[in-house]
Each structure stands twice: as C-alpha cells, then as structure tokens.
C-alpha cells in the first residue's frame, strides 16, 4: 500500500472538510447579513434613521379644520393586494423586523381580517380628530368616524394598517396613526390597529375600538375618500 497516497488522500479529505466548513460559515454570514439588511423596523434601524427622520407633527400646532374630504391633500399612497393571504402578510412583517402587539397579532389571525386579491394603489388621508372639529381633549370613536364620513371620508380597510407598516419605514418618531375599521377579537372586543414609531422600533399595535372609546383629539386617523367624495372631487376639478 502506498502510504504517501494515503497521506495525500487524508490531506485532501481534511482540506475538503475545511473548505466545506468555511463555505457553511460564509453562507451563514450571508444569510445573517441579508436578514439584518432586510430588517427595517427594528430599534437599530430607527436609531440609524433618527437624524434623518422628520419629527412627528406637534400636537400644539393649531389644527386646520377640514370642511370637505376632497379639500384634503393625499397624505400617502400605498399598494395593497400584494400578499396571497394574511399569513404571508404576517410573515413579511416578521421578516422586516416590525413589532406586532398581542392585540394586533390576534386581529391579523382573525377570519374577519382579509387581504385584497387585486393589486391596487390606495390614496390615504391622515386627519386628526381636532381637524375634524372636535374641541374637547378626547372624543368617542363612533363620533369621530361619523364626522369623518359626513365630510366624505371612508374608513380604511383592515389591510391598510399592516400594509402601511411595511411601506412606511421613514415614519417620524413619536407618530401614531390609526388605520382601520374595528375588528373583534376572539372574545368579542372590537380593536383598531395603529401604525406607530415610539422610538424603540416600528410597530403595529391594537387599541380599544369600541364605539364609546375615548380617543385623544390629537390622534391622527387614516381615511380613504368615499365614492361620493371622489365624485365630488372629479366634478369640482372639471369646473
């Protein structure tokens, strides 16, 4: 038996094993780097963007009263209908490192929470209860929604809030926007979702969505235009 050949064979085996280990380590590093690079909601991401993100609108700024939905400029346009189901949407939030509160997680798992089957761009309008005309410190949620609908706004679909979370990585620190029609938990409590940046990471949380829930009037809501408001805008634009 050629001992030299045996030594060479052992050397090649060891060398191949070493190369394999290095390749595995490199692959792990690439995966780790990719996951870190893709995460956009984490506290580290928020801190990195701290100097570039604009501050949230001050609650002390006198509100400009809204007289009609078609007089309000578009705040942000997002795309919905980009996920096959709510589980895919939830996985995307997790992959982006977005925090999900317990109530929000429960809502996203409810049968009542559905996603659009058609990819569509949606224009959103961010309006505070104070801009809707409420002058007290707080106002009942039902009254806020009723006033908004009187002015030509429509309530945003449930999918809007998580989709906005995924498409709003530059959210100013300290900003909380409420973005949906209420959905009930397994025990029957209505919940509304809030897209928030409290400084410790970008998050999607749930809050009391009952009709008599008292909401601070400085809180901003996400609305869409109702069909009637869109028609009025089109007529107004043609005059």
Foldseek 3Di string as FASTA:
>chain_A
DDVVVVVVVVVVVVVVVVVVVVVVVVVVVVVVVVLVVQALWALVNLVVCQVPFDADDDLPPQAAADQAPLVADFPDKFKFQPDPWLVRLVVSCVSNVAAEDPVRVQQSPDPVQTTDNDIDIFTKGKDFLVNLPDDDQWAFPLVSQVSCVVRFWAAADLRVQSRVLSVPSSDHAPAKEWHGQWDAGPVGFTWTWIFHHPSRTTYIYIDGRDRRDIGGRSHIYMTGGDPVSVVVSVVVVVD
